[in-house]
Protein backbone atom coordinates (compact mmCIF):
# COMPACT_ATOMS: atom_id res chain seq x y z
CA MET A 1 140.16 81.50 315.79
CA SER A 2 140.75 78.76 313.22
CA VAL A 3 139.05 79.58 309.90
CA SER A 4 137.28 76.89 307.87
CA PHE A 5 136.27 77.38 304.27
CA LYS A 6 133.22 75.18 304.87
CA THR A 7 131.73 77.78 307.21
CA LEU A 8 133.03 80.87 305.41
CA ASP A 9 130.40 83.38 304.27
CA LEU A 10 131.41 84.34 300.72
CA ASN A 11 129.75 87.74 301.20
CA LEU A 12 132.60 88.59 303.58
CA LEU A 13 135.06 88.13 300.72
CA LYS A 14 132.96 90.41 298.49
CA VAL A 15 133.16 93.10 301.17
CA PHE A 16 136.90 92.51 301.56
CA ASP A 17 137.42 92.87 297.80
CA ALA A 18 135.37 96.09 297.69
CA VAL A 19 137.32 97.67 300.57
CA MET A 20 140.60 96.60 298.99
CA GLU A 21 139.64 98.28 295.72
CA GLU A 22 138.08 101.46 297.18
CA ARG A 23 140.23 101.83 300.33
CA SER A 24 137.13 103.37 301.90
CA VAL A 25 134.29 101.84 303.94
CA LEU A 26 131.87 104.43 302.53
CA ARG A 27 132.71 103.80 298.89
CA ALA A 28 132.86 100.04 299.47
CA SER A 29 129.38 100.11 301.01
CA GLN A 30 128.06 101.90 297.92
CA LYS A 31 129.72 99.37 295.63
CA VAL A 32 128.22 96.31 297.35
CA ALA A 33 124.89 98.02 298.15
CA LEU A 34 125.23 97.69 301.93
CA SER A 35 125.21 100.22 304.75
CA GLN A 36 128.50 101.44 306.23
CA SER A 37 127.69 99.67 309.46
CA ALA A 38 127.07 96.39 307.61
CA VAL A 39 130.43 96.70 305.85
CA SER A 40 132.17 97.47 309.16
CA HIS A 41 130.43 94.48 310.78
CA SER A 42 131.51 92.20 307.94
CA LEU A 43 135.11 93.38 308.22
CA ALA A 44 135.03 92.73 311.96
CA ARG A 45 133.81 89.17 311.41
CA LEU A 46 136.50 88.51 308.80
CA ARG A 47 139.21 90.00 311.04
CA GLU A 48 138.15 87.70 313.84
CA MET A 49 138.11 84.64 311.63
CA LEU A 50 141.51 85.37 310.06
CA GLU A 51 143.07 86.81 313.22
CA ASP A 52 144.42 89.79 311.31
CA ASP A 53 143.43 93.46 311.14
CA LEU A 54 143.37 93.31 307.32
CA PHE A 55 142.88 97.10 307.04
CA VAL A 56 144.18 99.96 309.14
CA ARG A 57 142.37 103.31 309.10
CA THR A 58 144.72 106.17 308.17
CA ALA A 59 144.34 109.76 307.02
CA THR A 60 144.59 108.61 303.41
CA GLY A 61 142.09 105.76 303.73
CA MET A 62 141.98 102.10 304.69
CA GLN A 63 145.47 100.67 304.23
CA PRO A 64 145.78 96.88 303.80
CA THR A 65 148.03 94.75 305.98
CA SER A 66 150.55 92.36 304.46
CA ARG A 67 148.06 89.50 304.97
CA ALA A 68 145.38 91.46 303.08
CA LEU A 69 147.81 92.26 300.24
CA ALA A 70 148.66 88.56 299.91
CA MET A 71 144.97 87.56 299.92
CA ALA A 72 143.70 90.22 297.55
CA PRO A 73 144.66 88.77 294.11
CA LEU A 74 143.53 85.27 295.10
CA VAL A 75 140.18 86.54 296.39
CA ARG A 76 139.67 88.67 293.27
CA ASP A 77 140.35 85.72 290.93
CA ALA A 78 138.11 83.43 292.96
CA LEU A 79 135.21 85.88 292.86
CA ARG A 80 135.63 86.35 289.10
CA SER A 81 135.58 82.59 288.60
CA LEU A 82 132.44 82.23 290.70
CA LYS A 83 130.76 85.05 288.80
CA ALA A 84 131.62 83.42 285.46
CA ALA A 85 130.27 80.09 286.73
CA VAL A 86 126.85 81.39 287.76
CA GLU A 87 126.20 84.19 285.27
CA LEU A 88 125.34 83.70 281.60
CA PRO A 89 128.32 84.51 279.38
CA LYS A 90 128.00 87.64 277.28
CA PHE A 91 128.28 87.51 273.51
CA ASP A 92 129.24 90.71 271.73
CA LEU A 93 128.17 90.11 268.14
CA THR A 94 129.90 93.11 266.64
CA ASN A 95 133.33 92.45 268.13
CA SER A 96 133.34 88.68 268.64
CA THR A 97 136.08 86.68 266.95
CA LYS A 98 134.52 83.36 267.96
CA GLN A 99 134.82 80.39 265.63
CA PHE A 100 131.85 78.06 265.15
CA THR A 101 132.11 74.56 263.71
CA LEU A 102 129.26 73.09 261.67
CA ALA A 103 128.91 69.58 260.26
CA ALA A 104 126.99 69.48 256.98
CA ASN A 105 126.99 67.75 253.61
CA ASP A 106 127.60 69.62 250.37
CA PHE A 107 123.85 69.82 249.59
CA THR A 108 122.94 71.71 252.76
CA THR A 109 126.12 73.78 252.54
CA MET A 110 125.29 74.83 248.98
CA VAL A 111 121.70 75.88 249.71
CA LEU A 112 122.38 77.54 253.08
CA ALA A 113 125.86 79.03 252.85
CA SER A 114 125.04 82.17 250.86
CA SER A 115 122.24 83.31 253.20
CA LEU A 116 124.23 82.32 256.26
CA LEU A 117 127.33 84.27 255.22
CA SER A 118 125.18 87.28 254.37
CA ILE A 119 123.78 87.32 257.92
CA LEU A 120 127.25 86.85 259.40
CA GLY A 121 128.61 89.75 257.38
CA ARG A 122 125.88 92.06 258.68
CA GLU A 123 125.75 90.99 262.31
CA ALA A 124 129.10 89.48 263.25
CA PRO A 125 131.75 90.29 260.63
CA SER A 126 134.63 88.87 262.68
CA VAL A 127 133.01 85.52 263.49
CA ASP A 128 134.51 82.58 261.57
CA LEU A 129 132.95 79.31 260.39
CA VAL A 130 134.49 75.88 259.98
CA ILE A 131 132.31 73.44 258.02
CA LYS A 132 133.19 69.77 258.40
CA PRO A 133 131.75 67.01 256.23
CA VAL A 134 128.91 65.27 258.01
CA THR A 135 130.14 62.02 256.46
CA ARG A 136 133.26 60.02 257.24
CA ILE A 137 133.25 61.19 260.86
CA ASP A 138 131.70 59.81 264.03
CA LEU A 139 129.19 62.64 264.22
CA ALA A 140 127.81 61.82 267.68
CA GLU A 141 131.31 61.64 269.13
CA GLN A 142 132.29 64.98 267.57
CA ILE A 143 129.23 66.66 269.11
CA ASP A 144 129.87 64.97 272.46
CA LEU A 145 133.46 66.23 272.50
CA GLY A 146 132.43 69.78 271.59
CA ARG A 147 134.31 69.66 268.30
CA VAL A 148 131.07 70.31 266.39
CA ASP A 149 128.70 73.05 267.56
CA VAL A 150 125.83 72.17 265.22
CA ALA A 151 125.23 69.28 262.83
CA ILE A 152 122.81 69.74 259.92
CA GLY A 153 121.10 66.82 258.23
CA VAL A 154 118.22 64.36 258.17
CA PHE A 155 118.02 62.30 261.34
CA SER A 156 115.65 59.49 262.29
CA ALA A 157 116.65 59.10 265.96
CA LEU A 158 118.27 61.24 268.64
CA PRO A 159 119.97 60.31 271.90
CA ASP A 160 118.46 62.11 274.92
CA ARG A 161 121.56 64.28 275.28
CA PHE A 162 120.97 65.97 271.91
CA ARG A 163 118.50 68.69 270.94
CA SER A 164 117.24 69.57 267.46
CA SER A 165 115.25 72.17 265.56
CA PHE A 166 113.57 72.17 262.14
CA LEU A 167 115.22 74.10 259.30
CA PHE A 168 113.41 73.14 256.08
CA GLU A 169 111.78 70.25 254.25
CA TYR A 170 112.30 68.86 250.77
CA ASP A 171 111.28 66.14 248.34
CA ASP A 172 113.03 64.72 245.26
CA VAL A 173 113.03 65.81 241.62
CA LEU A 174 114.80 64.63 238.50
CA VAL A 175 117.47 66.73 236.78
CA VAL A 176 119.05 66.34 233.34
CA ALA A 177 121.17 68.46 231.06
CA ALA A 178 119.03 71.26 229.61
CA LYS A 179 119.77 70.14 226.05
CA HIS A 180 118.33 66.73 226.89
CA LYS A 181 115.16 68.09 228.46
CA LEU A 182 112.42 65.46 228.51
CA ASP A 183 109.06 66.22 226.89
CA ARG A 184 107.23 63.72 229.01
CA LEU A 185 108.32 61.74 232.07
CA ASP A 186 106.42 58.69 233.17
CA ASN A 187 107.50 55.52 234.92
CA LYS A 188 108.31 53.77 231.64
CA ARG A 189 110.53 56.64 230.43
CA LEU A 190 112.16 56.89 233.86
CA ALA A 191 112.99 53.18 233.89
CA ALA A 192 114.94 53.64 230.65
CA LEU A 193 117.14 56.44 232.02
CA PRO A 194 120.63 55.77 233.39
CA LEU A 195 120.55 57.33 236.84
CA VAL A 196 123.08 59.12 239.01
CA VAL A 197 122.40 58.92 242.74
CA VAL A 198 124.24 60.26 245.78
CA SER A 199 124.88 58.07 248.80
CA PHE A 200 127.10 58.92 251.76
CA GLY A 201 127.42 55.32 252.83
CA GLY A 202 125.99 51.97 251.84
CA GLU A 203 125.52 48.68 253.59
CA GLN A 204 129.28 48.21 253.67
CA GLU A 205 129.50 51.24 255.97
CA GLY A 206 126.72 49.91 258.17
CA ALA A 207 123.78 51.73 256.59
CA ILE A 208 120.33 50.24 257.23
CA ASP A 209 117.32 51.46 255.22
CA GLY A 210 119.29 54.49 254.10
CA PHE A 211 120.48 55.55 257.59
CA ILE A 212 123.79 55.16 259.43
CA SER A 213 123.57 54.81 263.22
CA GLU A 214 126.41 55.88 265.55
CA ARG A 215 126.15 56.05 269.35
CA GLY A 216 122.37 56.25 269.19
CA LEU A 217 122.29 58.92 266.44
CA ALA A 218 120.83 57.82 263.09
CA ARG A 219 121.60 60.08 260.12
CA ARG A 220 120.45 59.69 256.52
CA SER A 221 123.06 58.35 254.12
CA GLU A 222 121.04 57.81 250.91
CA MET A 223 120.24 61.19 249.37
CA TYR A 224 117.25 60.01 247.34
CA ASP A 225 114.10 58.06 248.16
CA ARG A 226 115.21 54.67 246.87
CA ALA A 227 112.20 52.88 248.33
CA ALA A 228 109.78 55.15 246.45
CA LEU A 229 111.69 54.65 243.20
CA GLU A 230 111.67 50.87 243.57
CA ARG A 231 107.95 50.85 244.39
CA ALA A 232 107.13 53.03 241.39
CA LEU A 233 109.10 50.83 238.99
CA GLY A 234 108.36 47.54 240.70
CA ASP A 235 106.17 46.31 237.84
CA SER A 236 108.45 47.59 235.11
CA ASP A 237 110.12 45.20 232.71
CA ARG A 238 113.30 47.16 233.26
CA PRO A 239 114.37 47.82 236.88
CA PRO A 240 115.92 51.24 237.64
CA ARG A 241 119.54 51.38 236.59
CA THR A 242 122.00 53.18 238.81
CA ALA A 243 124.71 54.07 236.32
CA VAL A 244 126.75 56.19 238.76
CA SER A 245 126.75 56.39 242.54
CA LEU A 246 128.54 59.38 244.05
CA PRO A 247 129.56 60.25 247.63
CA HIS A 248 128.74 63.95 247.05
CA PHE A 249 126.70 66.30 244.85
CA LEU A 250 129.55 68.51 243.66
CA ALA A 251 130.31 66.60 240.46
CA LEU A 252 126.70 66.21 239.31
CA PRO A 253 126.43 69.22 236.94
CA ALA A 254 129.62 68.23 235.13
CA LEU A 255 128.46 64.62 234.82
CA LEU A 256 125.07 65.62 233.39
CA GLU A 257 126.29 68.31 231.03
CA ASN A 258 127.61 66.12 228.20
CA THR A 259 125.77 62.87 228.87
CA LYS A 260 122.23 61.53 228.85
CA LEU A 261 122.43 60.71 232.54
CA ALA A 262 119.67 61.81 234.90
CA ALA A 263 119.93 62.40 238.62
CA ILE A 264 117.45 62.27 241.49
CA VAL A 265 118.24 65.14 243.84
CA PRO A 266 116.64 67.27 246.58
CA ARG A 267 114.38 69.97 245.15
CA PRO A 268 116.28 72.97 246.67
CA LEU A 269 119.53 71.64 245.20
CA ALA A 270 117.95 71.29 241.74
CA ARG A 271 116.95 74.93 241.92
CA ALA A 272 120.50 75.93 242.90
CA PHE A 273 121.96 73.88 240.04
CA ALA A 274 119.54 75.41 237.53
CA GLU A 275 120.61 78.91 238.56
CA ARG A 276 124.27 78.17 237.83
CA HIS A 277 124.27 75.45 235.16
CA ALA A 278 122.38 74.34 232.05
CA ILE A 279 120.18 71.98 234.04
CA ALA A 280 116.49 71.16 233.50
CA THR A 281 114.24 69.99 236.33
CA HIS A 282 111.39 67.49 236.03
CA GLU A 283 108.79 66.35 238.52
CA LEU A 284 109.08 62.65 239.22
CA PRO A 285 106.09 60.55 238.07
CA TYR A 286 105.67 59.24 241.62
CA PRO A 287 105.57 60.94 245.05
CA THR A 288 108.60 60.88 247.32
CA THR A 289 108.57 61.23 251.07
CA PRO A 290 109.28 64.83 252.19
CA LEU A 291 112.27 64.85 254.53
CA GLU A 292 113.06 67.28 257.32
CA VAL A 293 116.48 68.89 257.48
CA ARG A 294 117.21 69.72 261.10
CA MET A 295 120.06 71.19 263.08
CA LEU A 296 121.39 69.21 266.01
CA TRP A 297 123.36 70.26 269.10
CA HIS A 298 124.33 69.00 272.57
CA GLN A 299 122.09 69.82 275.51
CA ARG A 300 125.02 71.22 277.51
CA VAL A 301 125.14 74.37 275.33
CA GLU A 302 121.50 75.24 276.06
CA GLY A 303 121.37 78.82 277.33
CA ASP A 304 124.75 79.84 275.90
CA PRO A 305 124.06 83.19 274.14
CA SER A 306 126.56 82.54 271.35
CA GLN A 307 125.07 79.12 270.61
CA GLU A 308 121.50 80.45 270.76
CA TRP A 309 122.48 83.13 268.25
CA LEU A 310 124.05 80.50 265.97
CA HIS A 311 120.82 78.48 266.05
CA ASP A 312 118.81 81.61 265.28
CA ILE A 313 120.85 82.62 262.23
CA LEU A 314 120.68 79.07 260.85
CA ARG A 315 116.88 79.24 261.10
CA ARG A 316 116.85 82.63 259.40
CA ALA A 317 119.22 81.41 256.67
CA SER A 318 116.71 78.62 255.98
CA ASP A 319 113.70 80.91 255.56
CA SER A 320 113.86 81.04 251.76
CA LEU A 321 114.02 77.23 251.61
CA LYS A 322 110.85 76.73 253.63
CA ALA A 323 108.70 78.09 250.81
CA VAL A 324 110.15 76.00 247.99
CA GLY A 325 111.51 72.93 249.74
CA TYR A 326 108.97 70.44 248.46
CA ARG A 327 106.03 70.05 246.11
CA LYS A 328 102.89 70.79 248.10
CA LYS A 329 100.59 67.84 248.55
CA GLU A 330 97.49 69.92 247.89
CA GLN A 331 98.73 70.84 244.41
CA HIS A 332 98.21 67.24 243.36
CA GLU A 333 95.00 66.77 245.33
CA THR A 334 93.47 69.93 243.85
CA SER A 335 94.26 68.82 240.30
CA ARG A 336 92.60 65.43 240.91
CA ASP A 337 89.72 66.44 243.21
CA PRO A 338 87.06 68.67 241.59
CA HIS A 339 85.59 69.37 245.04
CA ALA A 340 88.85 70.71 246.49
CA GLN A 341 88.55 74.33 247.62
CA ALA A 342 91.12 76.90 246.62
CA GLY A 343 91.82 77.79 250.24
CA ASP A 344 92.23 74.23 251.50
CA HIS A 345 95.63 73.43 252.88
CA HIS A 346 97.00 70.10 254.07
CA GLU A 347 100.43 69.85 255.61
CA PRO A 348 102.39 66.89 254.27
CA LYS A 349 103.37 64.20 256.72
CA THR A 350 106.92 63.00 257.03
CA THR A 351 108.30 59.75 258.31
CA ASN A 352 111.32 61.17 260.11
CA ARG A 353 109.73 63.76 262.40
CA LEU A 354 111.50 63.73 265.76
CA GLY A 355 109.85 63.84 269.16
CA ASP A 356 108.72 67.30 270.26
CA SER A 357 110.24 66.81 273.70
CA ARG A 358 113.69 66.89 272.14
CA CYS A 359 113.12 69.74 269.71
CA ARG A 360 113.62 73.43 270.22
CA ASN A 361 111.70 75.28 267.55
């Protein structure tokens, strides 16, 4: 009989592999959870199809023919490949030496890294991290190619192939050197200050309204709410002066330390600076739009245990930031509204919230 792979029952190969390993119909039947008669029937069908005895019963067990010996390693590899294709991969946290690649700016790296590394040390001490700058790369392409597992940032649009999840939210504050702490900050005083701002790309890099768009993915490039600043000082005799524009936050403490410069930065970063440097934080005299920091990944990794674990530890590493990420709206409303109740709570609205159908919270 001529055998055709199109009509081959793969269960016959599973029986063949079991008999080859056990050299016993009884033990093979126990391994594949079939009766002895079912195993014998399967062997008979395969013998007929391949026109070979495959196994010969002897006093020491079922001995394979030369055809069976030639088939065995190929069948074993094929079954392993099929099993790997249809079963979820296993992820052994304790012993894994997997390397994950994140894309993040220095702000999110600074406020997340300590908590993230602490979790890694406890749960997966041999797992490694590579953190790439979220700027100066085609982020969408890097995710598409699998070179970045997760990107972290503020995004205003997502292609359908990407998924995202909320990490934390923040607004802006003003920071200065502690020795130049301001007694009072209003719009007039703010307009007189030389400002340092951080931008990861301006109009020359294709930024529009503070966002850079690549392959359908729009990521925030201006790291302060410029529109809110310009609105607040729109009637001022002196427009806001940007004395220094930086492509990163790293140099800010050194720039502020011995100058009278002021910087508009994310609230969680101001707290991190104040813990390490002689930095004073001031509330801005105008409200800024709270922004959501989210993590982003490709839909093809959905269901991968190692990727799901990575998403989970990033959420857990963000827990401490959720409580202090922005100035609560009700704090201002309560101070102005004598009828506000102590227990009232209003969640702030953001302008960059992504569609729920693409989010995995």
